[in-house]
């Protein structure tokens, strides 16, 4: 598995779930620790998402069928 495939399958969803967890941690009333660091968790997920989303998917191999016609 290449890094680009790993990025698309694992790193982007992890960054998205980190942002979601940060928002939930910020809004929940039970744990002061999670409430205190909810914004930090959300920002870490946001920065991770911005970095991982800019790594494009693997380019597809294009087979040139025009050469077979000659």
C-alpha atoms as a PDB file:
ATOM      1  CA  UNK A   1       0.000   0.000   0.000  1.00  0.00           C
ATOM      2  CA  UNK A   2       1.419   3.358  -0.994  1.00  0.00           C
ATOM      3  CA  UNK A   3       1.335   6.464   1.131  1.00  0.00           C
ATOM      4  CA  UNK A   4      -1.320   8.079  -1.059  1.00  0.00           C
ATOM      5  CA  UNK A   5      -3.613   5.062  -0.699  1.00  0.00           C
ATOM      6  CA  UNK A   6      -2.968   4.976   3.062  1.00  0.00           C
ATOM      7  CA  UNK A   7      -3.759   8.675   3.199  1.00  0.00           C
ATOM      8  CA  UNK A   8      -7.102   8.247   1.438  1.00  0.00           C
ATOM      9  CA  UNK A   9      -8.138   5.146   3.408  1.00  0.00           C
ATOM     10  CA  UNK A  10      -6.887   5.974   6.905  1.00  0.00           C
ATOM     11  CA  UNK A  11      -5.503   9.453   7.514  1.00  0.00           C
ATOM     12  CA  UNK A  12      -8.357  11.527   6.061  1.00  0.00           C
ATOM     13  CA  UNK A  13     -11.061   9.649   8.044  1.00  0.00           C
ATOM     14  CA  UNK A  14      -8.945   9.842  11.223  1.00  0.00           C
ATOM     15  CA  UNK A  15      -8.674  13.615  10.804  1.00  0.00           C
ATOM     16  CA  UNK A  16     -12.425  13.890  10.224  1.00  0.00           C
ATOM     17  CA  UNK A  17     -13.263  11.782  13.281  1.00  0.00           C
ATOM     18  CA  UNK A  18     -10.807  13.833  15.357  1.00  0.00           C
ATOM     19  CA  UNK A  19     -12.689  17.001  14.431  1.00  0.00           C
ATOM     20  CA  UNK A  20     -16.020  15.346  15.283  1.00  0.00           C
ATOM     21  CA  UNK A  21     -14.666  14.092  18.612  1.00  0.00           C
ATOM     22  CA  UNK A  22     -13.380  17.590  19.403  1.00  0.00           C
ATOM     23  CA  UNK A  23     -16.788  19.131  18.771  1.00  0.00           C
ATOM     24  CA  UNK A  24     -18.508  16.481  20.901  1.00  0.00           C
ATOM     25  CA  UNK A  25     -15.914  16.958  23.651  1.00  0.00           C
ATOM     26  CA  UNK A  26     -16.495  20.687  23.561  1.00  0.00           C
ATOM     27  CA  UNK A  27     -20.277  20.368  23.878  1.00  0.00           C
ATOM     28  CA  UNK A  28     -20.563  17.607  26.484  1.00  0.00           C
ATOM     29  CA  UNK A  29     -21.167  18.619  30.137  1.00  0.00           C
ATOM     30  CA  UNK A  30     -19.750  15.562  31.978  1.00  0.00           C
ATOM     31  CA  UNK A  31     -15.970  15.808  31.779  1.00  0.00           C
ATOM     32  CA  UNK A  32     -14.143  19.032  32.461  1.00  0.00           C
ATOM     33  CA  UNK A  33     -10.949  17.606  30.894  1.00  0.00           C
ATOM     34  CA  UNK A  34     -12.618  16.972  27.518  1.00  0.00           C
ATOM     35  CA  UNK A  35     -14.453  20.294  27.669  1.00  0.00           C
ATOM     36  CA  UNK A  36     -11.229  22.129  28.403  1.00  0.00           C
ATOM     37  CA  UNK A  37      -9.337  20.548  25.495  1.00  0.00           C
ATOM     38  CA  UNK A  38     -12.238  20.260  23.037  1.00  0.00           C
ATOM     39  CA  UNK A  39     -11.176  23.262  20.975  1.00  0.00           C
ATOM     40  CA  UNK A  40      -7.575  22.034  20.856  1.00  0.00           C
ATOM     41  CA  UNK A  41      -8.717  18.589  19.690  1.00  0.00           C
ATOM     42  CA  UNK A  42     -10.906  20.190  17.022  1.00  0.00           C
ATOM     43  CA  UNK A  43      -8.029  22.356  15.781  1.00  0.00           C
ATOM     44  CA  UNK A  44      -5.649  19.379  15.640  1.00  0.00           C
ATOM     45  CA  UNK A  45      -8.225  17.513  13.549  1.00  0.00           C
ATOM     46  CA  UNK A  46      -8.730  20.552  11.315  1.00  0.00           C
ATOM     47  CA  UNK A  47      -5.011  21.006  10.640  1.00  0.00           C
ATOM     48  CA  UNK A  48      -4.643  17.281  10.027  1.00  0.00           C
ATOM     49  CA  UNK A  49      -7.565  17.351   7.615  1.00  0.00           C
ATOM     50  CA  UNK A  50      -6.165  20.331   5.716  1.00  0.00           C
ATOM     51  CA  UNK A  51      -2.799  18.607   5.332  1.00  0.00           C
ATOM     52  CA  UNK A  52      -4.179  15.206   4.333  1.00  0.00           C
ATOM     53  CA  UNK A  53      -6.799  16.513   1.906  1.00  0.00           C
ATOM     54  CA  UNK A  54      -4.087  18.260  -0.135  1.00  0.00           C
ATOM     55  CA  UNK A  55      -2.349  14.951  -0.837  1.00  0.00           C
ATOM     56  CA  UNK A  56      -4.019  13.794  -4.031  1.00  0.00           C
ATOM     57  CA  UNK A  57      -5.020  10.241  -4.882  1.00  0.00           C
ATOM     58  CA  UNK A  58      -2.775   8.028  -6.954  1.00  0.00           C
ATOM     59  CA  UNK A  59      -2.903   8.842 -10.649  1.00  0.00           C
ATOM     60  CA  UNK A  60      -4.567   6.172 -12.721  1.00  0.00           C
ATOM     61  CA  UNK A  61      -2.517   4.472 -15.411  1.00  0.00           C
ATOM     62  CA  UNK A  62      -3.732   5.429 -18.865  1.00  0.00           C
ATOM     63  CA  UNK A  63      -3.307   2.831 -21.595  1.00  0.00           C
ATOM     64  CA  UNK A  64      -3.000   4.380 -25.028  1.00  0.00           C
ATOM     65  CA  UNK A  65      -5.122   2.257 -27.384  1.00  0.00           C
ATOM     66  CA  UNK A  66      -4.313   4.423 -30.417  1.00  0.00           C
ATOM     67  CA  UNK A  67      -1.003   2.631 -30.968  1.00  0.00           C
ATOM     68  CA  UNK A  68      -2.826  -0.685 -31.570  1.00  0.00           C
ATOM     69  CA  UNK A  69      -4.766   0.740 -34.510  1.00  0.00           C
ATOM     70  CA  UNK A  70      -1.704   1.474 -36.677  1.00  0.00           C
END
